[in-house]
């Protein structure tokens, strides 16, 4: 169902499980999906390293959601995006 956006069957299973009920960690999600914890952890990955391999052509929209949850005035986070042809 989600192959069109670059997710394989395992990643789709993990994604759908997260939609149904957020997990506390990879171990809990692995138990829920029946996939090995290492596979789940790899699929979740680090936010700074996520990408779509061979995306379908068309219009893509990047949405970045952010909200202040601490009184800290500076955050060490940045967003970098690139589009290559």
N, C-alpha and C. Protein backbone atom coordinates (compact mmCIF):
# COMPACT_ATOMS: atom_id res chain seq x y z
N UNK A 1 0.83 -1.20 0.00
CA UNK A 1 0.00 0.00 0.00
C UNK A 1 0.87 1.26 0.00
N UNK A 2 1.96 1.31 0.76
CA UNK A 2 2.79 2.51 0.85
C UNK A 2 4.10 2.40 0.08
N UNK A 3 4.19 1.44 -0.83
CA UNK A 3 5.40 1.30 -1.63
C UNK A 3 5.65 2.54 -2.47
N UNK A 4 4.59 3.22 -2.85
CA UNK A 4 4.69 4.40 -3.70
C UNK A 4 5.49 5.53 -3.08
N UNK A 5 5.59 5.55 -1.77
CA UNK A 5 6.40 6.60 -1.12
C UNK A 5 7.72 6.04 -0.61
N UNK A 6 8.04 4.83 -1.02
CA UNK A 6 9.36 4.28 -0.70
C UNK A 6 9.43 3.39 0.53
N UNK A 7 8.30 3.02 1.11
CA UNK A 7 8.31 2.14 2.29
C UNK A 7 8.19 0.69 1.87
N UNK A 8 9.01 -0.17 2.46
CA UNK A 8 8.85 -1.60 2.19
C UNK A 8 7.79 -2.16 3.13
N UNK A 9 7.50 -3.45 3.01
CA UNK A 9 6.42 -4.07 3.80
C UNK A 9 6.66 -3.94 5.30
N UNK A 10 7.90 -4.14 5.75
CA UNK A 10 8.21 -4.02 7.18
C UNK A 10 8.04 -2.60 7.68
N UNK A 11 8.52 -1.63 6.92
CA UNK A 11 8.38 -0.23 7.30
C UNK A 11 6.91 0.17 7.35
N UNK A 12 6.13 -0.33 6.41
CA UNK A 12 4.70 -0.05 6.41
C UNK A 12 4.04 -0.61 7.66
N UNK A 13 4.42 -1.83 8.03
CA UNK A 13 3.86 -2.46 9.23
C UNK A 13 4.16 -1.63 10.47
N UNK A 14 5.40 -1.14 10.56
CA UNK A 14 5.81 -0.32 11.68
C UNK A 14 5.04 1.00 11.69
N UNK A 15 4.93 1.63 10.54
CA UNK A 15 4.20 2.89 10.42
C UNK A 15 2.74 2.75 10.85
N UNK A 16 2.08 1.71 10.35
CA UNK A 16 0.68 1.49 10.70
C UNK A 16 0.50 1.18 12.18
N UNK A 17 1.46 0.45 12.77
CA UNK A 17 1.40 0.16 14.21
C UNK A 17 1.55 1.45 15.01
N UNK A 18 2.41 2.35 14.57
CA UNK A 18 2.59 3.63 15.26
C UNK A 18 1.34 4.49 15.15
N UNK A 19 0.67 4.43 14.00
CA UNK A 19 -0.57 5.19 13.86
C UNK A 19 -1.66 4.67 14.80
N UNK A 20 -1.70 3.35 14.94
CA UNK A 20 -2.73 2.74 15.78
C UNK A 20 -2.54 3.08 17.25
N UNK A 21 -1.29 3.06 17.69
CA UNK A 21 -0.99 3.36 19.10
C UNK A 21 0.50 3.67 19.22
N UNK A 22 0.86 4.90 19.57
CA UNK A 22 2.28 5.24 19.72
C UNK A 22 2.98 4.31 20.70
N UNK A 23 4.20 3.96 20.37
CA UNK A 23 5.00 3.07 21.22
C UNK A 23 5.99 3.89 22.03
N UNK A 24 6.38 3.35 23.18
CA UNK A 24 7.37 4.02 24.02
C UNK A 24 8.77 3.87 23.46
N UNK A 25 9.04 2.74 22.80
CA UNK A 25 10.38 2.49 22.27
C UNK A 25 10.33 1.39 21.22
N UNK A 26 11.50 1.11 20.64
CA UNK A 26 11.58 0.10 19.58
C UNK A 26 11.19 -1.28 20.08
N UNK A 27 11.54 -1.61 21.33
CA UNK A 27 11.22 -2.93 21.88
C UNK A 27 9.70 -3.15 21.93
N UNK A 28 8.98 -2.14 22.39
CA UNK A 28 7.52 -2.26 22.47
C UNK A 28 6.91 -2.38 21.08
N UNK A 29 7.43 -1.61 20.15
CA UNK A 29 6.92 -1.67 18.78
C UNK A 29 7.26 -3.00 18.12
N UNK A 30 8.43 -3.54 18.42
CA UNK A 30 8.82 -4.85 17.89
C UNK A 30 7.88 -5.93 18.40
N UNK A 31 7.53 -5.85 19.68
CA UNK A 31 6.61 -6.83 20.26
C UNK A 31 5.24 -6.74 19.59
N UNK A 32 4.82 -5.53 19.29
CA UNK A 32 3.52 -5.34 18.68
C UNK A 32 3.47 -5.77 17.23
N UNK A 33 4.56 -5.59 16.50
CA UNK A 33 4.55 -5.92 15.07
C UNK A 33 5.07 -7.32 14.76
N UNK A 34 5.76 -7.93 15.73
CA UNK A 34 6.34 -9.24 15.50
C UNK A 34 7.65 -9.19 14.71
N UNK A 35 8.17 -7.99 14.50
CA UNK A 35 9.43 -7.82 13.80
C UNK A 35 10.58 -7.78 14.80
N UNK A 36 11.80 -8.13 14.39
CA UNK A 36 12.94 -8.06 15.30
C UNK A 36 13.19 -6.61 15.74
N UNK A 37 13.59 -6.45 16.99
CA UNK A 37 13.82 -5.11 17.53
C UNK A 37 14.85 -4.33 16.71
N UNK A 38 15.89 -5.03 16.23
CA UNK A 38 16.92 -4.36 15.43
C UNK A 38 16.32 -3.79 14.14
N UNK A 39 15.39 -4.54 13.55
CA UNK A 39 14.72 -4.10 12.31
C UNK A 39 13.87 -2.87 12.58
N UNK A 40 13.17 -2.89 13.71
CA UNK A 40 12.32 -1.75 14.07
C UNK A 40 13.19 -0.52 14.35
N UNK A 41 14.25 -0.70 15.11
CA UNK A 41 15.14 0.42 15.42
C UNK A 41 15.74 1.01 14.16
N UNK A 42 16.13 0.17 13.22
CA UNK A 42 16.70 0.65 11.97
C UNK A 42 15.65 1.40 11.15
N UNK A 43 14.42 0.91 11.15
CA UNK A 43 13.35 1.56 10.39
C UNK A 43 13.00 2.92 10.99
N UNK A 44 13.05 3.02 12.31
CA UNK A 44 12.75 4.30 12.95
C UNK A 44 13.88 5.29 12.65
N UNK A 45 15.12 4.81 12.72
CA UNK A 45 16.28 5.62 12.35
C UNK A 45 16.38 6.93 13.10
N UNK A 46 17.44 7.62 12.83
CA UNK A 46 17.65 8.95 13.40
C UNK A 46 16.94 9.96 12.51
N UNK A 47 16.24 10.92 13.10
CA UNK A 47 15.51 11.89 12.28
C UNK A 47 16.38 12.61 11.26
N UNK A 48 17.64 12.83 11.60
CA UNK A 48 18.50 13.58 10.68
C UNK A 48 18.94 12.76 9.48
N UNK A 49 18.65 11.47 9.47
CA UNK A 49 19.11 10.64 8.37
C UNK A 49 18.01 10.04 7.53
N UNK A 50 16.80 10.51 7.65
CA UNK A 50 15.69 9.92 6.91
C UNK A 50 15.65 10.44 5.48
N UNK A 51 15.33 9.55 4.57
CA UNK A 51 15.20 9.96 3.17
C UNK A 51 14.29 8.97 2.46
N UNK A 52 13.82 9.36 1.30
CA UNK A 52 13.03 8.48 0.45
C UNK A 52 13.88 8.14 -0.76
N UNK A 53 14.13 6.87 -0.97
CA UNK A 53 14.89 6.42 -2.14
C UNK A 53 13.94 6.31 -3.32
N UNK A 54 14.34 6.84 -4.43
CA UNK A 54 13.57 6.78 -5.68
C UNK A 54 12.11 7.22 -5.51
N UNK A 55 11.89 8.44 -5.03
CA UNK A 55 10.50 8.90 -4.87
C UNK A 55 9.83 9.09 -6.22
N UNK A 56 8.53 8.99 -6.23
CA UNK A 56 7.78 9.20 -7.47
C UNK A 56 7.81 10.69 -7.83
N UNK A 57 7.85 11.00 -9.12
CA UNK A 57 7.83 12.40 -9.53
C UNK A 57 6.51 13.05 -9.14
N UNK A 58 6.55 14.33 -8.94
CA UNK A 58 5.34 15.07 -8.60
C UNK A 58 5.67 16.22 -7.67
N UNK A 59 4.66 16.71 -7.03
CA UNK A 59 4.83 17.82 -6.10
C UNK A 59 4.95 17.24 -4.70
N UNK A 60 6.03 17.61 -4.01
CA UNK A 60 6.26 17.14 -2.64
C UNK A 60 6.19 18.33 -1.69
N UNK A 61 5.63 18.10 -0.56
CA UNK A 61 5.54 19.16 0.45
C UNK A 61 6.25 18.68 1.70
N UNK A 62 7.17 19.48 2.20
CA UNK A 62 7.86 19.16 3.45
C UNK A 62 7.19 19.95 4.56
N UNK A 63 6.75 19.27 5.59
CA UNK A 63 6.11 19.93 6.71
C UNK A 63 6.96 19.67 7.95
N UNK A 64 7.32 20.74 8.61
CA UNK A 64 8.10 20.62 9.83
C UNK A 64 7.24 21.15 10.97
N UNK A 65 6.94 20.27 11.91
CA UNK A 65 6.14 20.67 13.05
C UNK A 65 7.08 20.95 14.22
N UNK A 66 6.88 22.06 14.85
CA UNK A 66 7.72 22.36 16.01
C UNK A 66 6.87 23.06 17.06
N UNK A 67 7.26 22.89 18.28
CA UNK A 67 6.57 23.58 19.38
C UNK A 67 7.52 23.68 20.55
N UNK A 68 7.39 24.71 21.28
CA UNK A 68 8.24 24.91 22.45
C UNK A 68 7.68 24.09 23.61
N UNK A 69 8.50 23.21 24.14
CA UNK A 69 8.07 22.41 25.30
C UNK A 69 8.98 22.63 26.50
N UNK A 70 9.98 23.48 26.32
CA UNK A 70 10.88 23.80 27.42
C UNK A 70 11.12 25.31 27.44
N UNK A 71 11.61 25.83 28.54
CA UNK A 71 11.88 27.27 28.62
C UNK A 71 13.20 27.69 27.96
N UNK A 72 13.89 26.75 27.32
CA UNK A 72 15.17 27.06 26.68
C UNK A 72 14.91 27.94 25.46
N UNK A 73 15.73 29.00 25.29
CA UNK A 73 15.49 29.94 24.20
C UNK A 73 16.23 29.60 22.92
N UNK A 74 17.20 28.72 22.97
CA UNK A 74 17.88 28.34 21.74
C UNK A 74 17.88 26.82 21.63
N UNK A 75 17.74 26.35 20.41
CA UNK A 75 17.73 24.91 20.18
C UNK A 75 18.85 24.56 19.21
N UNK A 76 19.53 23.45 19.45
CA UNK A 76 20.64 23.08 18.58
C UNK A 76 20.20 22.36 17.31
N UNK A 77 18.95 22.44 16.95
CA UNK A 77 18.44 21.68 15.82
C UNK A 77 18.34 22.54 14.57
N UNK A 78 18.61 21.92 13.44
CA UNK A 78 18.45 22.57 12.15
C UNK A 78 17.78 21.58 11.20
N UNK A 79 17.24 22.09 10.15
CA UNK A 79 16.62 21.26 9.12
C UNK A 79 17.33 21.55 7.81
N UNK A 80 17.78 20.49 7.15
CA UNK A 80 18.38 20.63 5.83
C UNK A 80 17.63 19.72 4.88
N UNK A 81 17.28 20.25 3.75
CA UNK A 81 16.59 19.46 2.73
C UNK A 81 17.24 19.73 1.39
N UNK A 82 17.29 18.72 0.57
CA UNK A 82 17.84 18.90 -0.77
C UNK A 82 17.01 18.14 -1.77
N UNK A 83 16.99 18.65 -2.96
CA UNK A 83 16.29 18.00 -4.05
C UNK A 83 17.30 17.83 -5.18
N UNK A 84 17.46 16.60 -5.62
CA UNK A 84 18.36 16.34 -6.72
C UNK A 84 17.60 15.64 -7.83
N UNK A 85 18.08 15.79 -8.97
CA UNK A 85 17.39 15.20 -10.11
C UNK A 85 18.19 14.10 -10.70
